[in-house]
Amino acid sequence: MRVHTDCVPCLMKRVLFQSRLSDGADEKGSVECSLKAFAEGFDYSKKSVDLATEVHAASYSKLGKDPYHELKVRADAVAEGFMDLAQRHVDAAEDKLRACLMVSVIGNIMDFGSTGGISSPEEFEPIFGKLMEQGLGLDHSDRIEAILDRSGTIVYMFDNCGESQLDRILIRYLRSRGKRVVGMVRGEPILNDVTMDDAIRSGLDRELDRILTTGTFYVGIDWSNVPEDLMEEIRNCDMVIAKGMANFESLSDERLPVPVAHVMRTKCKPVADSIGMPTDINVVYVRDAS
């Protein structure tokens, strides 16, 4: 996806949010460096995630390596508290896959500081039931179901901490159907996205057959610099499940040899418009191999 005018307030809102996460952080320095990077890098022909990565790198030069660390730990703890309730929802459902996807997709609202996301893990509790009742506004779950009756691999691209705890229920179901699941996490701390350290800390790594990283500091996955072990898994898998908007933005212009299932909330208008849906709905959107 390319840079859109809506990226301007959204990205700078996120910079301001992360600049205020810790007492004593260099808020002014972070914002100033980010604005300069934004102005120097702004180009409508550029991928939105390329610009976002440049801006966040400028912000992190003043904030340190992982300004979201405490928020990520809290998010995992809050989400873990909903695991039993979410599993009961799946157990009671006639369509287990759709129920697992529903649990997974609502976790995508744990995109702290972003447009359409919540600002703290504690805001998740009062809206959990409402999000579940909302259902899927776009439902291609039958296309995922179609690949589950044969053995093979799914590459699962994680997004946010907290959200990733609810992903466990879907991953367990996929593995119960005989699928080998390879997880992809960020190569370095960026936003509240899952890194290898976060996966090990939370036990997420133990839910997977293999876990790999993107290898870089990047919003989503940088297709110009994908580690060979990850690229090999993607080329040889049956499907990629890509959680969240950052993975969507980095994947949407790419031609992949396998189908890609985007599991996310449409939290911003450019993303929603690109798939012909309104904002603030839950979607399971599958793109064909190309």
C-alpha atoms as a PDB file:
ATOM      1  CA  MET A   1       0.000   0.000   0.000  1.00  0.00           C
ATOM      2  CA  ARG A   2       1.253   3.462  -0.868  1.00  0.00           C
ATOM      3  CA  VAL A   3       1.405   6.608   1.240  1.00  0.00           C
ATOM      4  CA  HIS A   4      -1.970   8.319   1.657  1.00  0.00           C
ATOM      5  CA  THR A   5      -2.882  11.733   3.026  1.00  0.00           C
ATOM      6  CA  ASP A   6      -4.491   9.965   5.993  1.00  0.00           C
ATOM      7  CA  CYS A   7      -1.042   8.637   6.923  1.00  0.00           C
ATOM      8  CA  VAL A   8       0.001  12.103   8.098  1.00  0.00           C
ATOM      9  CA  PRO A   9      -2.142  12.483  11.249  1.00  0.00           C
ATOM     10  CA  CYS A  10      -2.152   8.746  11.961  1.00  0.00           C
ATOM     11  CA  LEU A  11       1.613   8.358  11.972  1.00  0.00           C
ATOM     12  CA  MET A  12       2.314  11.507  13.954  1.00  0.00           C
ATOM     13  CA  LYS A  13      -0.377  10.571  16.486  1.00  0.00           C
ATOM     14  CA  ARG A  14       1.483   7.315  17.038  1.00  0.00           C
ATOM     15  CA  VAL A  15       4.804   9.130  17.478  1.00  0.00           C
ATOM     16  CA  LEU A  16       3.298  11.429  20.093  1.00  0.00           C
ATOM     17  CA  PHE A  17       1.726   8.459  21.889  1.00  0.00           C
ATOM     18  CA  GLN A  18       4.991   6.517  22.162  1.00  0.00           C
ATOM     19  CA  SER A  19       6.904   9.669  23.138  1.00  0.00           C
ATOM     20  CA  ARG A  20       4.714   9.942  26.235  1.00  0.00           C
ATOM     21  CA  LEU A  21       4.873   6.323  27.395  1.00  0.00           C
ATOM     22  CA  SER A  22       7.726   6.818  29.869  1.00  0.00           C
ATOM     23  CA  ASP A  23       8.376   9.566  32.381  1.00  0.00           C
ATOM     24  CA  GLY A  24      11.496  11.433  31.439  1.00  0.00           C
ATOM     25  CA  ALA A  25      11.399  10.426  27.773  1.00  0.00           C
ATOM     26  CA  ASP A  26      12.669  12.991  25.306  1.00  0.00           C
ATOM     27  CA  GLU A  27       9.228  13.835  23.946  1.00  0.00           C
ATOM     28  CA  LYS A  28      10.264  16.993  22.124  1.00  0.00           C
ATOM     29  CA  GLY A  29      13.351  15.370  20.613  1.00  0.00           C
ATOM     30  CA  SER A  30      11.342  12.371  19.451  1.00  0.00           C
ATOM     31  CA  VAL A  31       8.664  14.481  17.809  1.00  0.00           C
ATOM     32  CA  GLU A  32      11.182  16.843  16.206  1.00  0.00           C
ATOM     33  CA  CYS A  33      13.277  14.038  14.715  1.00  0.00           C
ATOM     34  CA  SER A  34      10.155  12.243  13.502  1.00  0.00           C
ATOM     35  CA  LEU A  35       8.750  15.351  11.814  1.00  0.00           C
ATOM     36  CA  LYS A  36      12.041  15.900  10.000  1.00  0.00           C
ATOM     37  CA  ALA A  37      12.133  12.287   8.837  1.00  0.00           C
ATOM     38  CA  PHE A  38       8.507  12.541   7.732  1.00  0.00           C
ATOM     39  CA  ALA A  39       9.115  15.716   5.741  1.00  0.00           C
ATOM     40  CA  GLU A  40      12.284  14.371   4.118  1.00  0.00           C
ATOM     41  CA  GLY A  41      10.797  10.983   3.285  1.00  0.00           C
ATOM     42  CA  PHE A  42       7.244  11.910   2.299  1.00  0.00           C
ATOM     43  CA  ASP A  43       6.412  10.655  -1.176  1.00  0.00           C
ATOM     44  CA  TYR A  44       3.055   9.416  -2.446  1.00  0.00           C
ATOM     45  CA  SER A  45       4.802   6.731  -4.506  1.00  0.00           C
ATOM     46  CA  LYS A  46       6.501   5.253  -1.427  1.00  0.00           C
ATOM     47  CA  LYS A  47       5.127   2.268   0.482  1.00  0.00           C
ATOM     48  CA  SER A  48       3.375   3.451   3.623  1.00  0.00           C
ATOM     49  CA  VAL A  49       5.375   1.018   5.754  1.00  0.00           C
ATOM     50  CA  ASP A  50       8.675   2.331   4.378  1.00  0.00           C
ATOM     51  CA  LEU A  51       7.773   5.858   5.477  1.00  0.00           C
ATOM     52  CA  ALA A  52       6.449   4.620   8.838  1.00  0.00           C
ATOM     53  CA  THR A  53       9.670   2.711   9.488  1.00  0.00           C
ATOM     54  CA  GLU A  54      11.803   5.796   8.743  1.00  0.00           C
ATOM     55  CA  VAL A  55       9.690   7.963  11.054  1.00  0.00           C
ATOM     56  CA  HIS A  56       9.699   5.460  13.914  1.00  0.00           C
ATOM     57  CA  ALA A  57      13.442   4.942  13.582  1.00  0.00           C
ATOM     58  CA  ALA A  58      13.863   8.688  14.053  1.00  0.00           C
ATOM     59  CA  SER A  59      11.602   8.622  17.109  1.00  0.00           C
ATOM     60  CA  TYR A  60      13.408   5.625  18.631  1.00  0.00           C
ATOM     61  CA  SER A  61      16.739   7.410  18.258  1.00  0.00           C
ATOM     62  CA  LYS A  62      15.517   9.606  21.117  1.00  0.00           C
ATOM     63  CA  LEU A  63      13.317   7.149  23.036  1.00  0.00           C
ATOM     64  CA  GLY A  64      15.532   4.070  23.185  1.00  0.00           C
ATOM     65  CA  LYS A  65      15.205   0.515  21.949  1.00  0.00           C
ATOM     66  CA  ASP A  66      11.771  -0.571  23.208  1.00  0.00           C
ATOM     67  CA  PRO A  67       9.525   2.213  24.581  1.00  0.00           C
ATOM     68  CA  TYR A  68       6.495  -0.131  24.449  1.00  0.00           C
ATOM     69  CA  HIS A  69       8.039  -2.884  26.598  1.00  0.00           C
ATOM     70  CA  GLU A  70       5.957  -2.346  29.747  1.00  0.00           C
ATOM     71  CA  LEU A  71       2.797  -1.923  27.674  1.00  0.00           C
ATOM     72  CA  LYS A  72       3.489  -5.185  25.832  1.00  0.00           C
ATOM     73  CA  VAL A  73       3.907  -7.124  29.076  1.00  0.00           C
ATOM     74  CA  ARG A  74       0.616  -5.718  30.396  1.00  0.00           C
ATOM     75  CA  ALA A  75      -1.152  -6.503  27.127  1.00  0.00           C
ATOM     76  CA  ASP A  76      -0.083 -10.148  27.238  1.00  0.00           C
ATOM     77  CA  ALA A  77      -1.295 -10.442  30.832  1.00  0.00           C
ATOM     78  CA  VAL A  78      -4.678  -8.860  30.065  1.00  0.00           C
ATOM     79  CA  ALA A  79      -5.252 -10.997  26.970  1.00  0.00           C
ATOM     80  CA  GLU A  80      -4.264 -14.171  28.806  1.00  0.00           C
ATOM     81  CA  GLY A  81      -7.109 -13.471  31.197  1.00  0.00           C
ATOM     82  CA  PHE A  82      -9.583 -13.913  28.331  1.00  0.00           C
ATOM     83  CA  MET A  83      -8.206 -17.210  27.081  1.00  0.00           C
ATOM     84  CA  ASP A  84     -10.655 -19.446  28.963  1.00  0.00           C
ATOM     85  CA  LEU A  85     -13.656 -17.362  27.880  1.00  0.00           C
ATOM     86  CA  ALA A  86     -12.448 -17.326  24.285  1.00  0.00           C
ATOM     87  CA  GLN A  87     -11.863 -21.093  24.300  1.00  0.00           C
ATOM     88  CA  ARG A  88     -15.390 -21.685  25.647  1.00  0.00           C
ATOM     89  CA  HIS A  89     -16.708 -19.600  22.755  1.00  0.00           C
ATOM     90  CA  VAL A  90     -14.845 -21.825  20.294  1.00  0.00           C
ATOM     91  CA  ASP A  91     -15.915 -25.047  22.039  1.00  0.00           C
ATOM     92  CA  ALA A  92     -19.570 -24.012  21.804  1.00  0.00           C
ATOM     93  CA  ALA A  93     -19.371 -22.994  18.155  1.00  0.00           C
ATOM     94  CA  GLU A  94     -20.523 -25.204  15.290  1.00  0.00           C
ATOM     95  CA  ASP A  95     -17.903 -23.708  12.967  1.00  0.00           C
ATOM     96  CA  LYS A  96     -14.687 -24.025  14.976  1.00  0.00           C
ATOM     97  CA  LEU A  97     -12.431 -22.328  12.427  1.00  0.00           C
ATOM     98  CA  ARG A  98     -14.639 -19.252  12.100  1.00  0.00           C
ATOM     99  CA  ALA A  99     -14.884 -19.015  15.890  1.00  0.00           C
ATOM    100  CA  CYS A 100     -11.082 -19.211  16.239  1.00  0.00           C
ATOM    101  CA  LEU A 101     -10.654 -16.528  13.580  1.00  0.00           C
ATOM    102  CA  MET A 102     -13.161 -14.325  15.378  1.00  0.00           C
ATOM    103  CA  VAL A 103     -11.212 -14.600  18.622  1.00  0.00           C
ATOM    104  CA  SER A 104      -7.997 -13.840  16.779  1.00  0.00           C
ATOM    105  CA  VAL A 105      -9.272 -10.853  14.832  1.00  0.00           C
ATOM    106  CA  ILE A 106     -10.718  -8.938  17.770  1.00  0.00           C
ATOM    107  CA  GLY A 107      -7.300  -8.996  19.419  1.00  0.00           C
ATOM    108  CA  ASN A 108      -6.119  -6.751  16.580  1.00  0.00           C
ATOM    109  CA  ILE A 109      -7.689  -3.789  18.367  1.00  0.00           C
ATOM    110  CA  MET A 110      -4.713  -3.978  20.776  1.00  0.00           C
ATOM    111  CA  ASP A 111      -2.807  -1.614  18.485  1.00  0.00           C
ATOM    112  CA  PHE A 112      -1.946   0.972  21.093  1.00  0.00           C
ATOM    113  CA  GLY A 113      -1.846   4.587  20.002  1.00  0.00           C
ATOM    114  CA  SER A 114      -3.049   3.896  16.473  1.00  0.00           C
ATOM    115  CA  THR A 115      -6.141   5.267  14.804  1.00  0.00           C
ATOM    116  CA  GLY A 116      -8.964   2.806  15.475  1.00  0.00           C
ATOM    117  CA  GLY A 117      -7.048   0.982  18.199  1.00  0.00           C
ATOM    118  CA  ILE A 118      -7.243   1.253  21.978  1.00  0.00           C
ATOM    119  CA  SER A 119      -4.792   3.181  24.123  1.00  0.00           C
ATOM    120  CA  SER A 120      -4.185   0.701  26.944  1.00  0.00           C
ATOM    121  CA  PRO A 121      -4.617  -3.039  27.561  1.00  0.00           C
ATOM    122  CA  GLU A 122      -7.182  -2.352  30.267  1.00  0.00           C
ATOM    123  CA  GLU A 123      -9.584  -0.879  27.675  1.00  0.00           C
ATOM    124  CA  PHE A 124      -9.932  -4.344  26.119  1.00  0.00           C
ATOM    125  CA  GLU A 125     -12.023  -5.878  28.919  1.00  0.00           C
ATOM    126  CA  PRO A 126     -15.166  -3.717  28.597  1.00  0.00           C
ATOM    127  CA  ILE A 127     -15.313  -4.072  24.792  1.00  0.00           C
ATOM    128  CA  PHE A 128     -14.486  -7.785  24.442  1.00  0.00           C
ATOM    129  CA  GLY A 129     -18.137  -8.881  24.350  1.00  0.00           C
ATOM    130  CA  LYS A 130     -19.171  -6.127  21.950  1.00  0.00           C
ATOM    131  CA  LEU A 131     -16.371  -6.984  19.543  1.00  0.00           C
ATOM    132  CA  MET A 132     -17.330 -10.668  19.601  1.00  0.00           C
ATOM    133  CA  GLU A 133     -20.968  -9.794  18.874  1.00  0.00           C
ATOM    134  CA  GLN A 134     -19.895  -7.701  15.911  1.00  0.00           C
ATOM    135  CA  GLY A 135     -18.879 -10.802  13.992  1.00  0.00           C
ATOM    136  CA  LEU A 136     -16.965 -10.848  10.715  1.00  0.00           C
ATOM    137  CA  GLY A 137     -17.858  -8.116   8.239  1.00  0.00           C
ATOM    138  CA  LEU A 138     -15.874  -9.926   5.543  1.00  0.00           C
ATOM    139  CA  ASP A 139     -15.588 -13.681   5.879  1.00  0.00           C
ATOM    140  CA  HIS A 140     -13.364 -15.775   3.631  1.00  0.00           C
ATOM    141  CA  SER A 141     -12.887 -18.443   6.300  1.00  0.00           C
ATOM    142  CA  ASP A 142     -14.147 -21.107   3.890  1.00  0.00           C
ATOM    143  CA  ARG A 143     -11.014 -20.543   1.781  1.00  0.00           C
ATOM    144  CA  ILE A 144      -8.849 -21.280   4.805  1.00  0.00           C
ATOM    145  CA  GLU A 145     -10.959 -24.319   5.621  1.00  0.00           C
ATOM    146  CA  ALA A 146     -10.302 -25.644   2.115  1.00  0.00           C
ATOM    147  CA  ILE A 147      -6.590 -26.152   2.830  1.00  0.00           C
ATOM    148  CA  LEU A 148      -6.981 -27.787   6.243  1.00  0.00           C
ATOM    149  CA  ASP A 149      -7.795 -31.285   5.066  1.00  0.00           C
ATOM    150  CA  ARG A 150      -4.261 -31.929   3.867  1.00  0.00           C
ATOM    151  CA  SER A 151      -0.936 -31.777   5.610  1.00  0.00           C
ATOM    152  CA  GLY A 152       1.324 -28.806   4.990  1.00  0.00           C
ATOM    153  CA  THR A 153       2.591 -25.554   6.452  1.00  0.00           C
ATOM    154  CA  ILE A 154       1.001 -22.253   7.358  1.00  0.00           C
ATOM    155  CA  VAL A 155       3.245 -19.237   7.905  1.00  0.00           C
ATOM    156  CA  TYR A 156       1.636 -17.145  10.639  1.00  0.00           C
ATOM    157  CA  MET A 157       2.725 -13.487  10.648  1.00  0.00           C
ATOM    158  CA  PHE A 158       2.149 -12.034  14.106  1.00  0.00           C
ATOM    159  CA  ASP A 159       1.290  -8.441  14.832  1.00  0.00           C
ATOM    160  CA  ASN A 160       0.738  -7.023  18.343  1.00  0.00           C
ATOM    161  CA  CYS A 161       1.490  -8.315  21.820  1.00  0.00           C
ATOM    162  CA  GLY A 162      -1.749  -9.117  23.627  1.00  0.00           C
ATOM    163  CA  GLU A 163      -3.360  -9.938  20.317  1.00  0.00           C
ATOM    164  CA  SER A 164      -0.812 -12.730  19.945  1.00  0.00           C
ATOM    165  CA  GLN A 165      -2.109 -14.442  23.084  1.00  0.00           C
ATOM    166  CA  LEU A 166      -5.539 -14.801  21.475  1.00  0.00           C
ATOM    167  CA  ASP A 167      -3.824 -16.055  18.300  1.00  0.00           C
ATOM    168  CA  ARG A 168      -2.817 -19.125  20.295  1.00  0.00           C
ATOM    169  CA  ILE A 169      -6.351 -20.502  20.080  1.00  0.00           C
ATOM    170  CA  LEU A 170      -6.333 -20.338  16.284  1.00  0.00           C
ATOM    171  CA  ILE A 171      -2.816 -21.789  16.106  1.00  0.00           C
ATOM    172  CA  ARG A 172      -3.785 -24.715  18.327  1.00  0.00           C
ATOM    173  CA  TYR A 173      -6.761 -25.426  16.089  1.00  0.00           C
ATOM    174  CA  LEU A 174      -4.659 -25.289  12.925  1.00  0.00           C
ATOM    175  CA  ARG A 175      -2.155 -27.705  14.424  1.00  0.00           C
ATOM    176  CA  SER A 176      -4.966 -30.014  15.589  1.00  0.00           C
ATOM    177  CA  ARG A 177      -5.964 -30.263  11.939  1.00  0.00           C
ATOM    178  CA  GLY A 178      -2.478 -31.482  11.055  1.00  0.00           C
ATOM    179  CA  LYS A 179      -0.921 -28.213   9.953  1.00  0.00           C
ATOM    180  CA  ARG A 180       2.674 -27.290  10.679  1.00  0.00           C
ATOM    181  CA  VAL A 181       2.648 -23.654  11.841  1.00  0.00           C
ATOM    182  CA  VAL A 182       5.682 -21.410  11.432  1.00  0.00           C
ATOM    183  CA  GLY A 183       5.458 -18.106  13.286  1.00  0.00           C
ATOM    184  CA  MET A 184       6.982 -14.846  12.059  1.00  0.00           C
ATOM    185  CA  VAL A 185       7.812 -12.078  14.537  1.00  0.00           C
ATOM    186  CA  ARG A 186       9.609  -8.750  14.172  1.00  0.00           C
ATOM    187  CA  GLY A 187      13.383  -8.727  13.989  1.00  0.00           C
ATOM    188  CA  GLU A 188      13.722  -5.825  16.438  1.00  0.00           C
ATOM    189  CA  PRO A 189      11.358  -4.012  18.833  1.00  0.00           C
ATOM    190  CA  ILE A 190       9.038  -1.703  16.899  1.00  0.00           C
ATOM    191  CA  LEU A 191       5.700  -0.406  18.200  1.00  0.00           C
ATOM    192  CA  ASN A 192       3.938  -3.007  20.362  1.00  0.00           C
ATOM    193  CA  ASP A 193       4.607  -5.786  17.841  1.00  0.00           C
ATOM    194  CA  VAL A 194       5.820  -9.224  18.910  1.00  0.00           C
ATOM    195  CA  THR A 195       9.575  -9.856  18.834  1.00  0.00           C
ATOM    196  CA  MET A 196      11.413 -13.092  19.543  1.00  0.00           C
ATOM    197  CA  ASP A 197      12.052 -11.935  23.115  1.00  0.00           C
ATOM    198  CA  ASP A 198       8.323 -11.253  23.568  1.00  0.00           C
ATOM    199  CA  ALA A 199       7.406 -14.662  22.146  1.00  0.00           C
ATOM    200  CA  ILE A 200       9.786 -16.449  24.515  1.00  0.00           C
ATOM    201  CA  ARG A 201       8.693 -14.353  27.512  1.00  0.00           C
ATOM    202  CA  SER A 202       5.002 -15.082  26.916  1.00  0.00           C
ATOM    203  CA  GLY A 203       5.423 -18.729  25.888  1.00  0.00           C
ATOM    204  CA  LEU A 204       4.118 -18.076  22.395  1.00  0.00           C
ATOM    205  CA  ASP A 205       7.142 -19.823  20.885  1.00  0.00           C
ATOM    206  CA  ARG A 206       6.040 -23.100  22.490  1.00  0.00           C
ATOM    207  CA  GLU A 207       2.776 -23.052  20.507  1.00  0.00           C
ATOM    208  CA  LEU A 208       4.626 -23.200  17.178  1.00  0.00           C
ATOM    209  CA  ASP A 209       6.521 -25.757  15.151  1.00  0.00           C
ATOM    210  CA  ARG A 210       9.091 -23.126  14.233  1.00  0.00           C
ATOM    211  CA  ILE A 211       9.535 -19.401  14.865  1.00  0.00           C
ATOM    212  CA  LEU A 212      11.496 -16.986  12.683  1.00  0.00           C
ATOM    213  CA  THR A 213      12.022 -13.234  12.579  1.00  0.00           C
ATOM    214  CA  THR A 214      11.831 -10.607   9.862  1.00  0.00           C
ATOM    215  CA  GLY A 215      15.457  -9.859  10.699  1.00  0.00           C
ATOM    216  CA  THR A 216      15.092  -6.075  10.725  1.00  0.00           C
ATOM    217  CA  PHE A 217      13.601  -2.995  12.386  1.00  0.00           C
ATOM    218  CA  TYR A 218      10.589  -2.559  10.130  1.00  0.00           C
ATOM    219  CA  VAL A 219       6.833  -1.984  10.296  1.00  0.00           C
ATOM    220  CA  GLY A 220       5.642  -5.303   8.874  1.00  0.00           C
ATOM    221  CA  ILE A 221       8.093  -7.179   6.667  1.00  0.00           C
ATOM    222  CA  ASP A 222      10.692  -5.595   4.403  1.00  0.00           C
ATOM    223  CA  TRP A 223      10.474  -7.561   1.147  1.00  0.00           C
ATOM    224  CA  SER A 224      13.784  -6.159  -0.039  1.00  0.00           C
ATOM    225  CA  ASN A 225      15.555  -7.830   2.877  1.00  0.00           C
ATOM    226  CA  VAL A 226      13.782 -11.044   3.889  1.00  0.00           C
ATOM    227  CA  PRO A 227      15.941 -13.672   5.647  1.00  0.00           C
ATOM    228  CA  GLU A 228      16.402 -16.721   3.451  1.00  0.00           C
ATOM    229  CA  ASP A 229      15.028 -19.152   6.056  1.00  0.00           C
ATOM    230  CA  LEU A 230      11.783 -17.150   6.243  1.00  0.00           C
ATOM    231  CA  MET A 231      11.540 -16.741   2.471  1.00  0.00           C
ATOM    232  CA  GLU A 232      11.955 -20.488   2.018  1.00  0.00           C
ATOM    233  CA  GLU A 233       9.093 -21.185   4.432  1.00  0.00           C
ATOM    234  CA  ILE A 234       6.861 -18.681   2.606  1.00  0.00           C
ATOM    235  CA  ARG A 235       7.652 -20.156  -0.830  1.00  0.00           C
ATOM    236  CA  ASN A 236       6.894 -23.698   0.348  1.00  0.00           C
ATOM    237  CA  CYS A 237       3.839 -23.127   2.565  1.00  0.00           C
ATOM    238  CA  ASP A 238       0.152 -23.688   1.750  1.00  0.00           C
ATOM    239  CA  MET A 239      -0.940 -20.263   2.993  1.00  0.00           C
ATOM    240  CA  VAL A 240       0.253 -17.183   4.825  1.00  0.00           C
ATOM    241  CA  ILE A 241      -1.956 -15.862   7.616  1.00  0.00           C
ATOM    242  CA  ALA A 242      -1.022 -12.213   8.085  1.00  0.00           C
ATOM    243  CA  LYS A 243      -2.356 -10.497  11.181  1.00  0.00           C
ATOM    244  CA  GLY A 244      -3.065  -6.776  11.290  1.00  0.00           C
ATOM    245  CA  MET A 245      -2.692  -3.706   9.136  1.00  0.00           C
ATOM    246  CA  ALA A 246       1.094  -3.375   9.159  1.00  0.00           C
ATOM    247  CA  ASN A 247       1.439  -6.823   7.612  1.00  0.00           C
ATOM    248  CA  PHE A 248      -1.347  -5.944   5.165  1.00  0.00           C
ATOM    249  CA  GLU A 249       0.358  -2.710   4.136  1.00  0.00           C
ATOM    250  CA  SER A 250       3.685  -4.456   3.560  1.00  0.00           C
ATOM    251  CA  LEU A 251       2.109  -7.410   1.694  1.00  0.00           C
ATOM    252  CA  SER A 252      -0.641  -5.799  -0.385  1.00  0.00           C
ATOM    253  CA  ASP A 253       1.593  -4.744  -3.303  1.00  0.00           C
ATOM    254  CA  GLU A 254       3.630  -7.959  -3.327  1.00  0.00           C
ATOM    255  CA  ARG A 255       3.129 -10.966  -5.594  1.00  0.00           C
ATOM    256  CA  LEU A 256       3.350 -14.139  -3.510  1.00  0.00           C
ATOM    257  CA  PRO A 257       3.283 -17.710  -4.822  1.00  0.00           C
ATOM    258  CA  VAL A 258       0.768 -18.750  -2.129  1.00  0.00           C
ATOM    259  CA  PRO A 259      -2.604 -17.418  -0.916  1.00  0.00           C
ATOM    260  CA  VAL A 260      -2.534 -14.816   1.861  1.00  0.00           C
ATOM    261  CA  ALA A 261      -5.257 -14.567   4.507  1.00  0.00           C
ATOM    262  CA  HIS A 262      -5.412 -11.101   6.081  1.00  0.00           C
ATOM    263  CA  VAL A 263      -6.985 -11.303   9.549  1.00  0.00           C
ATOM    264  CA  MET A 264      -7.486  -7.787  10.934  1.00  0.00           C
ATOM    265  CA  ARG A 265      -9.735  -4.921  11.891  1.00  0.00           C
ATOM    266  CA  THR A 266     -10.060  -2.177   9.298  1.00  0.00           C
ATOM    267  CA  LYS A 267      -8.807   0.533  11.626  1.00  0.00           C
ATOM    268  CA  CYS A 268      -7.973   3.117   8.953  1.00  0.00           C
ATOM    269  CA  LYS A 269      -9.788   4.318   5.834  1.00  0.00           C
ATOM    270  CA  PRO A 270      -7.041   3.680   3.252  1.00  0.00           C
ATOM    271  CA  VAL A 271      -6.792   0.026   4.298  1.00  0.00           C
ATOM    272  CA  ALA A 272     -10.585  -0.340   4.432  1.00  0.00           C
ATOM    273  CA  ASP A 273     -11.004   1.312   1.014  1.00  0.00           C
ATOM    274  CA  SER A 274      -8.367  -0.950  -0.530  1.00  0.00           C
ATOM    275  CA  ILE A 275     -10.515  -4.020   0.170  1.00  0.00           C
ATOM    276  CA  GLY A 276     -13.857  -2.269  -0.416  1.00  0.00           C
ATOM    277  CA  MET A 277     -15.024  -2.377   3.201  1.00  0.00           C
ATOM    278  CA  PRO A 278     -16.007   0.210   5.834  1.00  0.00           C
ATOM    279  CA  THR A 279     -13.732   1.082   8.742  1.00  0.00           C
ATOM    280  CA  ASP A 280     -13.867  -0.574  12.164  1.00  0.00           C
ATOM    281  CA  ILE A 281     -15.013  -4.013  11.112  1.00  0.00           C
ATOM    282  CA  ASN A 282     -13.471  -7.458  11.535  1.00  0.00           C
ATOM    283  CA  VAL A 283     -12.269  -9.078   8.326  1.00  0.00           C
ATOM    284  CA  VAL A 284     -10.855 -12.371   7.103  1.00  0.00           C
ATOM    285  CA  TYR A 285      -9.778 -11.485   3.581  1.00  0.00           C
ATOM    286  CA  VAL A 286      -7.990 -14.053   1.401  1.00  0.00           C
ATOM    287  CA  ARG A 287      -5.949 -13.065  -1.671  1.00  0.00           C
ATOM    288  CA  ASP A 288      -5.063 -15.652  -4.290  1.00  0.00           C
ATOM    289  CA  ALA A 289      -1.513 -16.670  -5.111  1.00  0.00           C
ATOM    290  CA  SER A 290      -0.035 -14.554  -7.879  1.00  0.00           C
END
